[in-house]
């Protein structure tokens, strides 16, 4: 993997944006599950996979490069039940 070329502020912005997007996608999955027919299962699975891939492929490498941000996000999640400002 190549070295990340971003500063901590940019990393924080990227992480917060991804966390917000993942929260919205999670909401969409629950809406589909509640209001759509079984045909939506494939869509829900694809959205869930996208959420997982976002964490694994994008967020994890940023947290590895900036471990202090991981702690910051975890603390915020514990305190406010959300990881982004």
Protein backbone atom coordinates (compact mmCIF):
# COMPACT_ATOMS: atom_id res chain seq x y z
CA UNK A 1 0.00 0.00 0.00
CA UNK A 2 1.27 3.46 -0.79
CA UNK A 3 1.83 6.09 1.86
CA UNK A 4 -1.12 8.39 2.36
CA UNK A 5 -0.46 11.89 1.14
CA UNK A 6 -2.78 13.96 3.30
CA UNK A 7 -2.58 15.90 6.51
CA UNK A 8 -4.60 15.18 9.61
CA UNK A 9 -7.23 17.84 8.91
CA UNK A 10 -7.96 16.40 5.47
CA UNK A 11 -8.03 12.89 6.92
CA UNK A 12 -10.58 14.06 9.52
CA UNK A 13 -12.76 15.57 6.77
CA UNK A 14 -12.60 12.38 4.67
CA UNK A 15 -13.42 10.18 7.67
CA UNK A 16 -16.31 12.35 8.82
CA UNK A 17 -17.77 12.45 5.32
CA UNK A 18 -17.52 8.68 4.95
CA UNK A 19 -19.05 8.15 8.40
CA UNK A 20 -21.99 10.42 7.54
CA UNK A 21 -22.49 8.66 4.21
CA UNK A 22 -22.36 5.25 5.88
CA UNK A 23 -24.96 6.39 8.41
CA UNK A 24 -27.25 7.48 5.57
CA UNK A 25 -26.69 4.22 3.71
CA UNK A 26 -27.48 2.26 6.87
CA UNK A 27 -30.73 4.21 7.15
CA UNK A 28 -31.56 3.36 3.53
CA UNK A 29 -31.01 -0.34 4.25
CA UNK A 30 -33.45 -0.19 7.17
CA UNK A 31 -36.02 1.69 5.04
CA UNK A 32 -35.77 -0.91 2.31
CA UNK A 33 -36.08 -3.72 4.79
CA UNK A 34 -39.16 -2.16 6.36
CA UNK A 35 -40.99 -0.85 3.28
CA UNK A 36 -39.80 -2.77 0.22
CA UNK A 37 -40.52 -6.28 -0.88
CA UNK A 38 -38.11 -9.21 -0.85
CA UNK A 39 -36.79 -8.11 -4.24
CA UNK A 40 -34.90 -5.37 -2.41
CA UNK A 41 -32.73 -7.93 -0.61
CA UNK A 42 -30.09 -7.83 -3.35
CA UNK A 43 -29.94 -4.04 -3.15
CA UNK A 44 -29.67 -4.13 0.66
CA UNK A 45 -26.82 -6.64 0.47
CA UNK A 46 -24.97 -4.50 -2.08
CA UNK A 47 -25.38 -1.39 0.09
CA UNK A 48 -24.17 -3.30 3.16
CA UNK A 49 -21.16 -4.52 1.18
CA UNK A 50 -20.44 -0.93 0.12
CA UNK A 51 -20.52 0.18 3.76
CA UNK A 52 -18.12 -2.61 4.73
CA UNK A 53 -15.80 -1.90 1.82
CA UNK A 54 -15.72 1.79 2.71
CA UNK A 55 -14.52 0.94 6.18
CA UNK A 56 -12.03 -1.70 5.15
CA UNK A 57 -10.65 -0.09 1.99
CA UNK A 58 -10.71 3.59 2.89
CA UNK A 59 -11.26 4.29 6.57
CA UNK A 60 -8.98 1.61 8.03
CA UNK A 61 -5.88 2.80 6.12
CA UNK A 62 -6.56 6.38 7.22
CA UNK A 63 -6.98 5.28 10.84
CA UNK A 64 -3.71 3.34 10.54
CA UNK A 65 -1.94 6.45 9.28
CA UNK A 66 -3.58 8.64 11.94
CA UNK A 67 -4.22 6.48 15.05
CA UNK A 68 -5.10 9.56 17.08
CA UNK A 69 -8.10 10.10 14.78
CA UNK A 70 -9.27 6.55 15.43
CA UNK A 71 -9.24 7.26 19.15
CA UNK A 72 -10.99 10.59 18.58
CA UNK A 73 -13.75 8.95 16.52
CA UNK A 74 -14.16 6.09 19.02
CA UNK A 75 -14.41 8.52 21.95
CA UNK A 76 -17.01 10.59 20.13
CA UNK A 77 -18.97 7.46 19.27
CA UNK A 78 -19.00 6.34 22.91
CA UNK A 79 -19.99 9.78 24.19
CA UNK A 80 -22.49 10.92 21.53
CA UNK A 81 -23.38 7.71 19.66
CA UNK A 82 -21.98 9.17 16.46
CA UNK A 83 -18.43 9.27 15.21
CA UNK A 84 -18.47 12.45 13.18
CA UNK A 85 -18.75 16.08 14.25
